[in-house]
Amino acid sequence: WPGDSRRNMRPVAAGQGRHPHWQSLYQDDNWRRLPWFADALEPTIEQYLQEHPLTGTCLDLGCGDGTQAARMAERGFTVTGVDIAPGAIRAAQRFAEPQLTFICRDALTLRPAKPYDIVIDRGFLHVLPLHDRIRYVELLRAATRPSGLVLLNCFSSDEPDPGFGPERFSRPGVEQLLGRAFRVEEHFQFRWTGPLQARPLTHFFAIRRV
């Protein structure tokens, strides 16, 4: 995810010294072939926003090349994308919308002065090492305003783990991790779309900050 050492490929989350390979993935223009690349807004997020029209501020965790952030800006959101890989942020800067800001840093260290209306996690949680998950919840608490939303995609443990790639989660596991500060309002499962040959079973969660 990608390559043969896919169990170790955990992007855009922990410190650069522990995961330097994420920068190497964005050293050239190959990012359009990465497994998480999508030129359109993630379909599950698109579906949710069609059913629940919203605007406001948005934080995109592990924004990569910036496409998802740009698509949210096109929908009227003021968006901040954060990614640890400088090459990813350089790719993201091809989008010049005034309501877009990109930050190169470890997202888990982000503590925004003003929390966001929506936080997007399209595959950020499921690439985190186990020891960083508490920091992830702390980030969500700091970054999501009261009654704000987290829109989360992560791979599902309802099908066998192939032994490589992102971690798999159950719905109860996600709810237990997030704790009482968050409440799952909508949930379904779907097949991941993108450049992957496989189509892993994936969760969509709409999660309310209590």
N, C-alpha and C. Protein backbone atom coordinates (compact mmCIF):
# COMPACT_ATOMS: atom_id res chain seq x y z
N TRP A 1 0.85 -1.22 0.00
CA TRP A 1 0.00 0.00 0.00
C TRP A 1 0.86 1.24 0.00
N PRO A 2 1.62 1.56 -0.98
CA PRO A 2 1.88 0.73 -2.14
C PRO A 2 3.13 -0.11 -1.96
N GLY A 3 3.41 -1.03 -2.88
CA GLY A 3 4.64 -1.80 -2.87
C GLY A 3 4.55 -3.03 -2.00
N ASP A 4 5.66 -3.75 -1.89
CA ASP A 4 5.69 -5.00 -1.16
C ASP A 4 5.75 -4.79 0.34
N SER A 5 6.24 -3.63 0.81
CA SER A 5 6.36 -3.38 2.25
C SER A 5 5.16 -2.60 2.75
N ARG A 6 3.99 -3.02 2.31
CA ARG A 6 2.81 -2.20 2.55
C ARG A 6 2.40 -2.14 4.01
N ARG A 7 2.75 -3.11 4.81
CA ARG A 7 2.40 -3.05 6.22
C ARG A 7 3.04 -1.84 6.89
N ASN A 8 4.17 -1.38 6.39
CA ASN A 8 4.88 -0.26 7.00
C ASN A 8 4.48 1.09 6.42
N MET A 9 3.62 1.10 5.42
CA MET A 9 3.30 2.35 4.75
C MET A 9 2.14 3.03 5.48
N ARG A 10 2.48 3.92 6.39
CA ARG A 10 1.46 4.57 7.19
C ARG A 10 1.64 6.07 7.04
N PRO A 11 0.83 6.73 6.17
CA PRO A 11 1.14 8.09 5.75
C PRO A 11 0.73 9.18 6.70
N VAL A 12 1.39 10.29 6.62
CA VAL A 12 0.90 11.61 6.94
C VAL A 12 0.39 11.72 8.36
N ALA A 13 1.02 11.05 9.30
CA ALA A 13 0.42 11.07 10.61
C ALA A 13 1.46 11.31 11.68
N ALA A 14 2.42 10.44 11.80
CA ALA A 14 3.40 10.57 12.85
C ALA A 14 4.57 11.43 12.38
N GLY A 15 5.56 11.58 13.26
CA GLY A 15 6.65 12.48 12.95
C GLY A 15 7.44 12.05 11.72
N GLN A 16 8.03 13.03 11.06
CA GLN A 16 8.76 12.77 9.81
C GLN A 16 9.88 11.77 10.03
N GLY A 17 10.55 11.80 11.19
CA GLY A 17 11.64 10.88 11.43
C GLY A 17 11.19 9.43 11.48
N ARG A 18 10.00 9.18 11.95
CA ARG A 18 9.49 7.81 12.03
C ARG A 18 8.90 7.32 10.72
N HIS A 19 8.44 8.23 9.87
CA HIS A 19 7.79 7.84 8.62
C HIS A 19 8.31 8.67 7.45
N PRO A 20 9.61 8.64 7.21
CA PRO A 20 10.16 9.50 6.15
C PRO A 20 9.72 9.09 4.76
N HIS A 21 9.22 7.85 4.60
CA HIS A 21 8.85 7.39 3.27
C HIS A 21 7.68 8.16 2.69
N TRP A 22 6.87 8.83 3.49
CA TRP A 22 5.73 9.57 2.93
C TRP A 22 6.21 10.71 2.04
N GLN A 23 7.29 11.34 2.42
CA GLN A 23 7.83 12.36 1.53
C GLN A 23 8.33 11.73 0.22
N SER A 24 8.94 10.55 0.32
CA SER A 24 9.48 9.93 -0.90
C SER A 24 8.38 9.63 -1.91
N LEU A 25 7.18 9.40 -1.43
CA LEU A 25 6.06 9.10 -2.34
C LEU A 25 5.67 10.31 -3.18
N TYR A 26 6.03 11.51 -2.73
CA TYR A 26 5.65 12.74 -3.43
C TYR A 26 6.87 13.46 -4.02
N GLN A 27 7.95 12.73 -4.26
CA GLN A 27 9.15 13.36 -4.80
C GLN A 27 9.04 13.69 -6.28
N ASP A 28 8.14 13.03 -6.98
CA ASP A 28 7.94 13.33 -8.40
C ASP A 28 6.43 13.41 -8.65
N ASP A 29 6.03 13.29 -9.88
CA ASP A 29 4.62 13.45 -10.23
C ASP A 29 3.85 12.14 -10.19
N ASN A 30 4.33 11.17 -9.42
CA ASN A 30 3.66 9.87 -9.38
C ASN A 30 2.44 9.86 -8.47
N TRP A 31 2.15 10.96 -7.82
CA TRP A 31 1.09 10.94 -6.81
C TRP A 31 -0.28 10.62 -7.40
N ARG A 32 -0.49 10.83 -8.67
CA ARG A 32 -1.78 10.46 -9.27
C ARG A 32 -1.96 8.95 -9.33
N ARG A 33 -0.90 8.19 -9.15
CA ARG A 33 -0.99 6.73 -9.16
C ARG A 33 -1.05 6.15 -7.75
N LEU A 34 -1.01 6.99 -6.72
CA LEU A 34 -1.06 6.50 -5.36
C LEU A 34 -2.46 5.94 -5.04
N PRO A 35 -2.55 4.95 -4.16
CA PRO A 35 -3.82 4.24 -3.95
C PRO A 35 -4.96 5.12 -3.46
N TRP A 36 -4.64 6.24 -2.81
CA TRP A 36 -5.68 7.08 -2.25
C TRP A 36 -6.05 8.26 -3.15
N PHE A 37 -5.42 8.36 -4.33
CA PHE A 37 -5.72 9.50 -5.20
C PHE A 37 -7.13 9.38 -5.78
N ALA A 38 -7.84 10.49 -5.80
CA ALA A 38 -9.14 10.59 -6.47
C ALA A 38 -9.29 12.01 -6.96
N ASP A 39 -9.63 12.18 -8.21
CA ASP A 39 -9.76 13.52 -8.77
C ASP A 39 -11.06 14.19 -8.35
N ALA A 40 -12.07 13.40 -8.07
CA ALA A 40 -13.36 13.93 -7.62
C ALA A 40 -13.44 13.87 -6.10
N LEU A 41 -14.39 14.59 -5.57
CA LEU A 41 -14.65 14.50 -4.13
C LEU A 41 -15.03 13.07 -3.78
N GLU A 42 -14.53 12.58 -2.66
CA GLU A 42 -14.86 11.24 -2.20
C GLU A 42 -16.38 11.02 -2.28
N PRO A 43 -16.84 9.97 -2.98
CA PRO A 43 -18.28 9.80 -3.21
C PRO A 43 -19.13 9.74 -1.95
N THR A 44 -18.59 9.17 -0.87
CA THR A 44 -19.40 9.10 0.36
C THR A 44 -19.58 10.48 0.98
N ILE A 45 -18.57 11.33 0.86
CA ILE A 45 -18.69 12.70 1.35
C ILE A 45 -19.64 13.49 0.44
N GLU A 46 -19.50 13.29 -0.85
CA GLU A 46 -20.41 13.93 -1.81
C GLU A 46 -21.85 13.55 -1.51
N GLN A 47 -22.09 12.27 -1.28
CA GLN A 47 -23.45 11.81 -0.97
C GLN A 47 -23.97 12.46 0.30
N TYR A 48 -23.12 12.50 1.33
CA TYR A 48 -23.55 13.09 2.60
C TYR A 48 -23.90 14.57 2.43
N LEU A 49 -23.08 15.31 1.70
CA LEU A 49 -23.33 16.74 1.53
C LEU A 49 -24.53 17.01 0.62
N GLN A 50 -24.85 16.10 -0.28
CA GLN A 50 -26.07 16.25 -1.06
C GLN A 50 -27.30 16.06 -0.18
N GLU A 51 -27.21 15.15 0.76
CA GLU A 51 -28.33 14.87 1.66
C GLU A 51 -28.41 15.86 2.82
N HIS A 52 -27.28 16.47 3.15
CA HIS A 52 -27.21 17.41 4.27
C HIS A 52 -26.43 18.64 3.80
N PRO A 53 -27.04 19.54 3.06
CA PRO A 53 -26.31 20.72 2.54
C PRO A 53 -25.69 21.53 3.67
N LEU A 54 -24.40 21.75 3.57
CA LEU A 54 -23.65 22.44 4.61
C LEU A 54 -22.63 23.36 3.97
N THR A 55 -22.24 24.39 4.71
CA THR A 55 -21.09 25.20 4.38
C THR A 55 -20.38 25.53 5.69
N GLY A 56 -19.26 26.20 5.58
CA GLY A 56 -18.52 26.57 6.79
C GLY A 56 -17.05 26.31 6.61
N THR A 57 -16.39 25.99 7.71
CA THR A 57 -14.95 25.73 7.68
C THR A 57 -14.70 24.23 7.71
N CYS A 58 -13.61 23.83 7.08
CA CYS A 58 -13.31 22.41 6.92
C CYS A 58 -11.82 22.17 7.10
N LEU A 59 -11.47 21.11 7.79
CA LEU A 59 -10.09 20.66 7.94
C LEU A 59 -9.96 19.30 7.28
N ASP A 60 -9.00 19.17 6.37
CA ASP A 60 -8.73 17.91 5.67
C ASP A 60 -7.44 17.32 6.23
N LEU A 61 -7.57 16.21 6.97
CA LEU A 61 -6.42 15.58 7.61
C LEU A 61 -5.68 14.68 6.62
N GLY A 62 -4.38 14.88 6.51
CA GLY A 62 -3.61 14.11 5.54
C GLY A 62 -4.08 14.41 4.14
N CYS A 63 -4.03 15.67 3.76
CA CYS A 63 -4.68 16.14 2.53
C CYS A 63 -3.98 15.68 1.27
N GLY A 64 -2.74 15.17 1.37
CA GLY A 64 -2.05 14.70 0.18
C GLY A 64 -1.92 15.80 -0.87
N ASP A 65 -2.28 15.48 -2.10
CA ASP A 65 -2.13 16.43 -3.21
C ASP A 65 -3.17 17.53 -3.22
N GLY A 66 -4.08 17.53 -2.25
CA GLY A 66 -5.01 18.65 -2.08
C GLY A 66 -6.31 18.56 -2.84
N THR A 67 -6.53 17.46 -3.57
CA THR A 67 -7.73 17.40 -4.41
C THR A 67 -9.00 17.45 -3.59
N GLN A 68 -9.06 16.67 -2.50
CA GLN A 68 -10.29 16.65 -1.70
C GLN A 68 -10.56 18.02 -1.08
N ALA A 69 -9.51 18.67 -0.60
CA ALA A 69 -9.67 20.02 -0.05
C ALA A 69 -10.19 20.98 -1.11
N ALA A 70 -9.65 20.88 -2.31
CA ALA A 70 -10.08 21.77 -3.40
C ALA A 70 -11.53 21.53 -3.76
N ARG A 71 -11.95 20.27 -3.77
CA ARG A 71 -13.36 19.97 -4.10
C ARG A 71 -14.30 20.50 -3.00
N MET A 72 -13.86 20.46 -1.76
CA MET A 72 -14.68 21.04 -0.70
C MET A 72 -14.75 22.55 -0.85
N ALA A 73 -13.65 23.19 -1.24
CA ALA A 73 -13.66 24.63 -1.47
C ALA A 73 -14.63 24.98 -2.60
N GLU A 74 -14.69 24.14 -3.62
CA GLU A 74 -15.63 24.38 -4.72
C GLU A 74 -17.07 24.32 -4.24
N ARG A 75 -17.32 23.60 -3.16
CA ARG A 75 -18.67 23.51 -2.60
C ARG A 75 -18.96 24.66 -1.65
N GLY A 76 -18.02 25.58 -1.48
CA GLY A 76 -18.26 26.76 -0.67
C GLY A 76 -17.62 26.76 0.69
N PHE A 77 -16.88 25.72 1.03
CA PHE A 77 -16.21 25.67 2.32
C PHE A 77 -14.90 26.47 2.29
N THR A 78 -14.53 26.99 3.44
CA THR A 78 -13.20 27.53 3.65
C THR A 78 -12.37 26.40 4.25
N VAL A 79 -11.33 25.97 3.54
CA VAL A 79 -10.69 24.69 3.82
C VAL A 79 -9.22 24.87 4.17
N THR A 80 -8.80 24.12 5.19
CA THR A 80 -7.39 23.97 5.51
C THR A 80 -7.02 22.51 5.30
N GLY A 81 -5.99 22.27 4.49
CA GLY A 81 -5.45 20.93 4.32
C GLY A 81 -4.10 20.83 5.00
N VAL A 82 -3.88 19.73 5.71
CA VAL A 82 -2.61 19.54 6.41
C VAL A 82 -2.02 18.20 6.03
N ASP A 83 -0.71 18.19 5.77
CA ASP A 83 -0.01 16.97 5.41
C ASP A 83 1.45 17.09 5.83
N ILE A 84 2.04 15.99 6.23
CA ILE A 84 3.41 16.01 6.70
C ILE A 84 4.43 16.04 5.57
N ALA A 85 4.03 15.67 4.36
CA ALA A 85 4.98 15.55 3.25
C ALA A 85 5.09 16.85 2.48
N PRO A 86 6.26 17.49 2.44
CA PRO A 86 6.41 18.73 1.66
C PRO A 86 6.03 18.56 0.20
N GLY A 87 6.36 17.41 -0.38
CA GLY A 87 6.00 17.19 -1.78
C GLY A 87 4.51 17.18 -2.00
N ALA A 88 3.76 16.65 -1.03
CA ALA A 88 2.30 16.67 -1.13
C ALA A 88 1.78 18.10 -1.12
N ILE A 89 2.32 18.92 -0.24
CA ILE A 89 1.87 20.30 -0.15
C ILE A 89 2.26 21.07 -1.41
N ARG A 90 3.42 20.78 -1.97
CA ARG A 90 3.78 21.42 -3.24
C ARG A 90 2.77 21.06 -4.34
N ALA A 91 2.36 19.81 -4.38
CA ALA A 91 1.35 19.40 -5.36
C ALA A 91 0.02 20.10 -5.08
N ALA A 92 -0.34 20.24 -3.81
CA ALA A 92 -1.61 20.86 -3.45
C ALA A 92 -1.65 22.33 -3.84
N GLN A 93 -0.51 22.98 -3.88
CA GLN A 93 -0.49 24.41 -4.17
C GLN A 93 -0.81 24.74 -5.62
N ARG A 94 -1.04 23.71 -6.45
CA ARG A 94 -1.53 23.99 -7.81
C ARG A 94 -2.95 24.54 -7.78
N PHE A 95 -3.64 24.33 -6.65
CA PHE A 95 -4.97 24.90 -6.46
C PHE A 95 -4.81 26.28 -5.85
N ALA A 96 -5.39 27.27 -6.48
CA ALA A 96 -5.15 28.66 -6.08
C ALA A 96 -6.39 29.34 -5.52
N GLU A 97 -7.41 28.58 -5.14
CA GLU A 97 -8.63 29.20 -4.62
C GLU A 97 -8.32 29.99 -3.34
N PRO A 98 -8.89 31.18 -3.21
CA PRO A 98 -8.56 32.00 -2.04
C PRO A 98 -9.04 31.40 -0.72
N GLN A 99 -10.03 30.52 -0.78
CA GLN A 99 -10.54 29.93 0.45
C GLN A 99 -9.82 28.64 0.83
N LEU A 100 -8.67 28.40 0.21
CA LEU A 100 -7.86 27.21 0.48
C LEU A 100 -6.55 27.59 1.15
N THR A 101 -6.20 26.86 2.22
CA THR A 101 -4.91 27.02 2.88
C THR A 101 -4.31 25.64 3.08
N PHE A 102 -3.02 25.49 2.80
CA PHE A 102 -2.35 24.21 3.00
C PHE A 102 -1.19 24.41 3.98
N ILE A 103 -1.07 23.46 4.90
CA ILE A 103 -0.06 23.51 5.95
C ILE A 103 0.77 22.24 5.90
N CYS A 104 2.09 22.38 5.92
CA CYS A 104 2.98 21.23 5.96
C CYS A 104 3.43 21.01 7.40
N ARG A 105 2.86 19.99 8.05
CA ARG A 105 3.24 19.66 9.41
C ARG A 105 2.62 18.32 9.79
N ASP A 106 3.07 17.79 10.90
CA ASP A 106 2.46 16.60 11.48
C ASP A 106 1.06 16.97 11.96
N ALA A 107 0.04 16.41 11.34
CA ALA A 107 -1.34 16.79 11.68
C ALA A 107 -1.66 16.54 13.14
N LEU A 108 -1.03 15.55 13.75
CA LEU A 108 -1.35 15.22 15.14
C LEU A 108 -0.90 16.31 16.11
N THR A 109 -0.05 17.21 15.67
CA THR A 109 0.39 18.32 16.52
C THR A 109 -0.46 19.57 16.31
N LEU A 110 -1.41 19.51 15.41
CA LEU A 110 -2.21 20.69 15.08
C LEU A 110 -3.20 20.99 16.20
N ARG A 111 -3.21 22.24 16.65
CA ARG A 111 -4.18 22.70 17.64
C ARG A 111 -4.71 24.05 17.15
N PRO A 112 -5.74 24.04 16.32
CA PRO A 112 -6.20 25.28 15.70
C PRO A 112 -6.75 26.26 16.73
N ALA A 113 -6.54 27.55 16.45
CA ALA A 113 -7.06 28.58 17.35
C ALA A 113 -8.58 28.57 17.38
N LYS A 114 -9.18 28.22 16.24
CA LYS A 114 -10.64 28.14 16.15
C LYS A 114 -11.01 26.81 15.53
N PRO A 115 -11.83 26.01 16.21
CA PRO A 115 -12.17 24.69 15.67
C PRO A 115 -13.03 24.80 14.41
N TYR A 116 -13.08 23.71 13.67
CA TYR A 116 -13.72 23.68 12.36
C TYR A 116 -15.14 23.12 12.44
N ASP A 117 -15.94 23.49 11.43
CA ASP A 117 -17.30 22.95 11.34
C ASP A 117 -17.28 21.48 10.91
N ILE A 118 -16.36 21.13 9.99
CA ILE A 118 -16.24 19.76 9.50
C ILE A 118 -14.77 19.38 9.46
N VAL A 119 -14.48 18.17 9.92
CA VAL A 119 -13.15 17.58 9.76
C VAL A 119 -13.31 16.36 8.86
N ILE A 120 -12.50 16.30 7.81
CA ILE A 120 -12.50 15.17 6.88
C ILE A 120 -11.32 14.27 7.19
N ASP A 121 -11.62 12.99 7.35
CA ASP A 121 -10.58 11.97 7.49
C ASP A 121 -10.85 10.90 6.44
N ARG A 122 -10.20 11.03 5.30
CA ARG A 122 -10.34 10.04 4.23
C ARG A 122 -9.10 9.14 4.23
N GLY A 123 -9.07 8.23 5.23
CA GLY A 123 -7.95 7.31 5.29
C GLY A 123 -6.78 7.76 6.14
N PHE A 124 -7.01 8.65 7.09
CA PHE A 124 -5.94 9.12 7.98
C PHE A 124 -5.83 8.21 9.21
N LEU A 125 -6.95 7.97 9.89
CA LEU A 125 -6.93 7.14 11.09
C LEU A 125 -6.34 5.76 10.80
N HIS A 126 -6.75 5.14 9.71
CA HIS A 126 -6.39 3.73 9.54
C HIS A 126 -4.94 3.52 9.14
N VAL A 127 -4.18 4.57 8.96
CA VAL A 127 -2.74 4.42 8.73
C VAL A 127 -1.90 4.82 9.94
N LEU A 128 -2.55 5.16 11.04
CA LEU A 128 -1.81 5.56 12.24
C LEU A 128 -1.33 4.35 13.01
N PRO A 129 -0.10 4.40 13.55
CA PRO A 129 0.33 3.37 14.50
C PRO A 129 -0.58 3.39 15.74
N LEU A 130 -0.68 2.25 16.38
CA LEU A 130 -1.55 2.12 17.55
C LEU A 130 -1.25 3.20 18.59
N HIS A 131 0.03 3.50 18.82
CA HIS A 131 0.38 4.42 19.89
C HIS A 131 0.00 5.86 19.57
N ASP A 132 -0.40 6.16 18.34
CA ASP A 132 -0.81 7.52 18.00
C ASP A 132 -2.32 7.73 18.03
N ARG A 133 -3.08 6.72 18.34
CA ARG A 133 -4.53 6.87 18.25
C ARG A 133 -5.11 7.79 19.32
N ILE A 134 -4.51 7.80 20.50
CA ILE A 134 -4.98 8.73 21.53
C ILE A 134 -4.72 10.17 21.08
N ARG A 135 -3.57 10.41 20.47
CA ARG A 135 -3.28 11.74 19.93
C ARG A 135 -4.27 12.11 18.83
N TYR A 136 -4.70 11.14 18.08
CA TYR A 136 -5.70 11.38 17.04
C TYR A 136 -7.01 11.87 17.67
N VAL A 137 -7.46 11.23 18.72
CA VAL A 137 -8.69 11.66 19.38
C VAL A 137 -8.51 13.05 19.98
N GLU A 138 -7.37 13.32 20.56
CA GLU A 138 -7.10 14.67 21.08
C GLU A 138 -7.16 15.70 19.97
N LEU A 139 -6.62 15.35 18.80
CA LEU A 139 -6.69 16.26 17.66
C LEU A 139 -8.14 16.53 17.28
N LEU A 140 -8.95 15.48 17.17
CA LEU A 140 -10.35 15.68 16.79
C LEU A 140 -11.08 16.55 17.81
N ARG A 141 -10.81 16.36 19.07
CA ARG A 141 -11.46 17.17 20.10
C ARG A 141 -11.09 18.64 19.96
N ALA A 142 -9.82 18.89 19.63
CA ALA A 142 -9.36 20.27 19.49
C ALA A 142 -9.82 20.90 18.19
N ALA A 143 -9.96 20.10 17.14
CA ALA A 143 -10.18 20.64 15.81
C ALA A 143 -11.65 20.72 15.41
N THR A 144 -12.54 20.03 16.12
CA THR A 144 -13.95 19.98 15.75
C THR A 144 -14.76 20.81 16.75
N ARG A 145 -15.52 21.77 16.24
CA ARG A 145 -16.30 22.61 17.16
C ARG A 145 -17.43 21.79 17.79
N PRO A 146 -17.95 22.21 18.94
CA PRO A 146 -19.12 21.55 19.50
C PRO A 146 -20.27 21.51 18.49
N SER A 147 -20.86 20.35 18.32
CA SER A 147 -21.90 20.04 17.33
C SER A 147 -21.37 19.98 15.91
N GLY A 148 -20.04 20.11 15.74
CA GLY A 148 -19.44 19.94 14.42
C GLY A 148 -19.37 18.48 14.02
N LEU A 149 -18.87 18.23 12.81
CA LEU A 149 -18.89 16.89 12.23
C LEU A 149 -17.48 16.40 11.89
N VAL A 150 -17.31 15.10 12.04
CA VAL A 150 -16.17 14.39 11.48
C VAL A 150 -16.71 13.43 10.44
N LEU A 151 -16.23 13.52 9.21
CA LEU A 151 -16.60 12.59 8.15
C LEU A 151 -15.40 11.68 7.94
N LEU A 152 -15.58 10.40 8.28
CA LEU A 152 -14.47 9.46 8.40
C LEU A 152 -14.64 8.27 7.47
N ASN A 153 -13.58 7.98 6.70
CA ASN A 153 -13.47 6.72 5.96
C ASN A 153 -12.32 5.92 6.53
N CYS A 154 -12.55 4.66 6.85
CA CYS A 154 -11.48 3.76 7.26
C CYS A 154 -11.85 2.34 6.88
N PHE A 155 -10.86 1.50 6.65
CA PHE A 155 -11.11 0.14 6.20
C PHE A 155 -11.78 -0.67 7.30
N SER A 156 -12.59 -1.63 6.87
CA SER A 156 -13.45 -2.39 7.77
C SER A 156 -12.84 -3.74 8.13
N SER A 157 -13.01 -4.13 9.39
CA SER A 157 -12.58 -5.45 9.84
C SER A 157 -13.62 -6.52 9.56
N ASP A 158 -14.69 -6.16 8.85
CA ASP A 158 -15.72 -7.16 8.51
C ASP A 158 -15.29 -8.07 7.37
N GLU A 159 -14.11 -7.81 6.78
CA GLU A 159 -13.52 -8.77 5.87
C GLU A 159 -12.10 -9.05 6.33
N PRO A 160 -11.51 -10.18 5.95
CA PRO A 160 -10.20 -10.57 6.49
C PRO A 160 -9.13 -9.53 6.18
N ASP A 161 -8.27 -9.33 7.16
CA ASP A 161 -7.10 -8.47 6.97
C ASP A 161 -6.11 -9.21 6.09
N PRO A 162 -5.68 -8.63 4.96
CA PRO A 162 -4.76 -9.34 4.07
C PRO A 162 -3.33 -9.41 4.58
N GLY A 163 -3.05 -8.74 5.69
CA GLY A 163 -1.70 -8.78 6.24
C GLY A 163 -0.81 -7.66 5.77
N PHE A 164 -1.35 -6.70 5.04
CA PHE A 164 -0.59 -5.52 4.62
C PHE A 164 -1.57 -4.37 4.49
N GLY A 165 -1.03 -3.18 4.37
CA GLY A 165 -1.87 -2.01 4.16
C GLY A 165 -2.46 -1.47 5.45
N PRO A 166 -3.41 -0.56 5.33
CA PRO A 166 -4.00 0.09 6.50
C PRO A 166 -4.65 -0.90 7.46
N GLU A 167 -4.74 -0.49 8.71
CA GLU A 167 -5.43 -1.28 9.72
C GLU A 167 -6.93 -1.35 9.41
N ARG A 168 -7.54 -2.39 9.90
CA ARG A 168 -8.99 -2.56 9.78
C ARG A 168 -9.66 -2.24 11.12
N PHE A 169 -10.85 -1.63 11.04
CA PHE A 169 -11.59 -1.24 12.23
C PHE A 169 -13.01 -1.80 12.17
N SER A 170 -13.57 -2.04 13.33
CA SER A 170 -15.01 -2.32 13.46
C SER A 170 -15.72 -1.04 13.87
N ARG A 171 -17.02 -1.01 13.66
CA ARG A 171 -17.77 0.15 14.15
C ARG A 171 -17.64 0.30 15.66
N PRO A 172 -17.84 -0.79 16.46
CA PRO A 172 -17.66 -0.62 17.90
C PRO A 172 -16.26 -0.15 18.27
N GLY A 173 -15.24 -0.58 17.51
CA GLY A 173 -13.89 -0.14 17.80
C GLY A 173 -13.71 1.34 17.59
N VAL A 174 -14.30 1.88 16.53
CA VAL A 174 -14.23 3.32 16.27
C VAL A 174 -14.98 4.08 17.37
N GLU A 175 -16.17 3.60 17.73
CA GLU A 175 -16.94 4.29 18.76
C GLU A 175 -16.22 4.25 20.11
N GLN A 176 -15.60 3.14 20.43
CA GLN A 176 -14.86 3.05 21.69
C GLN A 176 -13.66 3.99 21.68
N LEU A 177 -12.96 4.06 20.55
CA LEU A 177 -11.81 4.94 20.45
C LEU A 177 -12.20 6.39 20.65
N LEU A 178 -13.26 6.83 20.00
CA LEU A 178 -13.65 8.24 20.05
C LEU A 178 -14.25 8.64 21.39
N GLY A 179 -14.89 7.72 22.06
CA GLY A 179 -15.41 8.00 23.40
C GLY A 179 -16.64 8.88 23.40
N ARG A 180 -16.97 9.40 24.56
CA ARG A 180 -18.22 10.12 24.76
C ARG A 180 -18.24 11.50 24.14
N ALA A 181 -17.11 12.00 23.72
CA ALA A 181 -17.07 13.33 23.11
C ALA A 181 -17.66 13.33 21.70
N PHE A 182 -17.92 12.14 21.15
CA PHE A 182 -18.42 12.03 19.78
C PHE A 182 -19.56 11.02 19.72
N ARG A 183 -20.47 11.24 18.77
CA ARG A 183 -21.61 10.34 18.59
C ARG A 183 -21.77 10.02 17.11
N VAL A 184 -21.81 8.74 16.77
CA VAL A 184 -22.02 8.34 15.38
C VAL A 184 -23.47 8.60 15.01
N GLU A 185 -23.66 9.42 13.97
CA GLU A 185 -25.01 9.72 13.50
C GLU A 185 -25.39 8.92 12.26
N GLU A 186 -24.42 8.67 11.40
CA GLU A 186 -24.68 7.87 10.20
C GLU A 186 -23.50 6.94 9.97
N HIS A 187 -23.82 5.77 9.46
CA HIS A 187 -22.77 4.78 9.18
C HIS A 187 -23.24 3.84 8.10
N PHE A 188 -22.35 3.55 7.16
CA PHE A 188 -22.58 2.45 6.21
C PHE A 188 -21.22 1.98 5.72
N GLN A 189 -21.23 0.88 4.98
CA GLN A 189 -20.00 0.35 4.41
C GLN A 189 -20.10 0.31 2.89
N PHE A 190 -18.94 0.42 2.24
CA PHE A 190 -18.89 0.48 0.78
C PHE A 190 -17.54 -0.07 0.33
N ARG A 191 -17.38 -0.22 -0.97
CA ARG A 191 -16.11 -0.67 -1.53
C ARG A 191 -15.28 0.54 -1.95
N TRP A 192 -14.05 0.61 -1.43
CA TRP A 192 -13.14 1.72 -1.74
C TRP A 192 -12.95 1.85 -3.24
N THR A 193 -12.99 3.07 -3.72
CA THR A 193 -12.74 3.32 -5.14
C THR A 193 -11.43 4.09 -5.29
N GLY A 194 -10.79 3.90 -6.42
CA GLY A 194 -9.52 4.57 -6.68
C GLY A 194 -8.62 3.69 -7.51
N PRO A 195 -7.31 4.01 -7.55
CA PRO A 195 -6.39 3.27 -8.40
C PRO A 195 -6.07 1.85 -7.93
N LEU A 196 -6.60 1.41 -6.79
CA LEU A 196 -6.32 0.07 -6.30
C LEU A 196 -6.98 -0.99 -7.18
N GLN A 197 -6.29 -2.11 -7.38
CA GLN A 197 -6.94 -3.24 -8.01
C GLN A 197 -7.97 -3.85 -7.07
N ALA A 198 -7.60 -3.96 -5.80
CA ALA A 198 -8.54 -4.44 -4.79
C ALA A 198 -9.55 -3.34 -4.46
N ARG A 199 -10.67 -3.73 -3.91
CA ARG A 199 -11.70 -2.79 -3.47
C ARG A 199 -12.03 -3.10 -2.01
N PRO A 200 -11.18 -2.67 -1.08
CA PRO A 200 -11.39 -3.03 0.32
C PRO A 200 -12.73 -2.53 0.86
N LEU A 201 -13.33 -3.33 1.71
CA LEU A 201 -14.55 -2.92 2.39
C LEU A 201 -14.20 -1.78 3.35
N THR A 202 -14.97 -0.70 3.28
CA THR A 202 -14.61 0.55 3.95
C THR A 202 -15.81 1.13 4.68
N HIS A 203 -15.56 1.68 5.84
CA HIS A 203 -16.60 2.38 6.60
C HIS A 203 -16.74 3.82 6.13
N PHE A 204 -17.96 4.32 6.15
CA PHE A 204 -18.22 5.76 6.18
C PHE A 204 -18.92 6.07 7.49
N PHE A 205 -18.38 7.04 8.23
CA PHE A 205 -18.99 7.53 9.46
C PHE A 205 -19.25 9.04 9.35
N ALA A 206 -20.43 9.46 9.74
CA ALA A 206 -20.71 10.86 10.05
C ALA A 206 -20.82 10.95 11.55
N ILE A 207 -19.90 11.65 12.17
CA ILE A 207 -19.74 11.63 13.62
C ILE A 207 -19.90 13.04 14.16
N ARG A 208 -20.78 13.19 15.12
CA ARG A 208 -21.09 14.50 15.70
C ARG A 208 -20.25 14.73 16.95
N ARG A 209 -19.63 15.92 17.02
CA ARG A 209 -18.94 16.33 18.25
C ARG A 209 -19.98 16.74 19.27
N VAL A 210 -19.99 16.09 20.40
CA VAL A 210 -21.01 16.33 21.42
C VAL A 210 -20.66 17.58 22.23
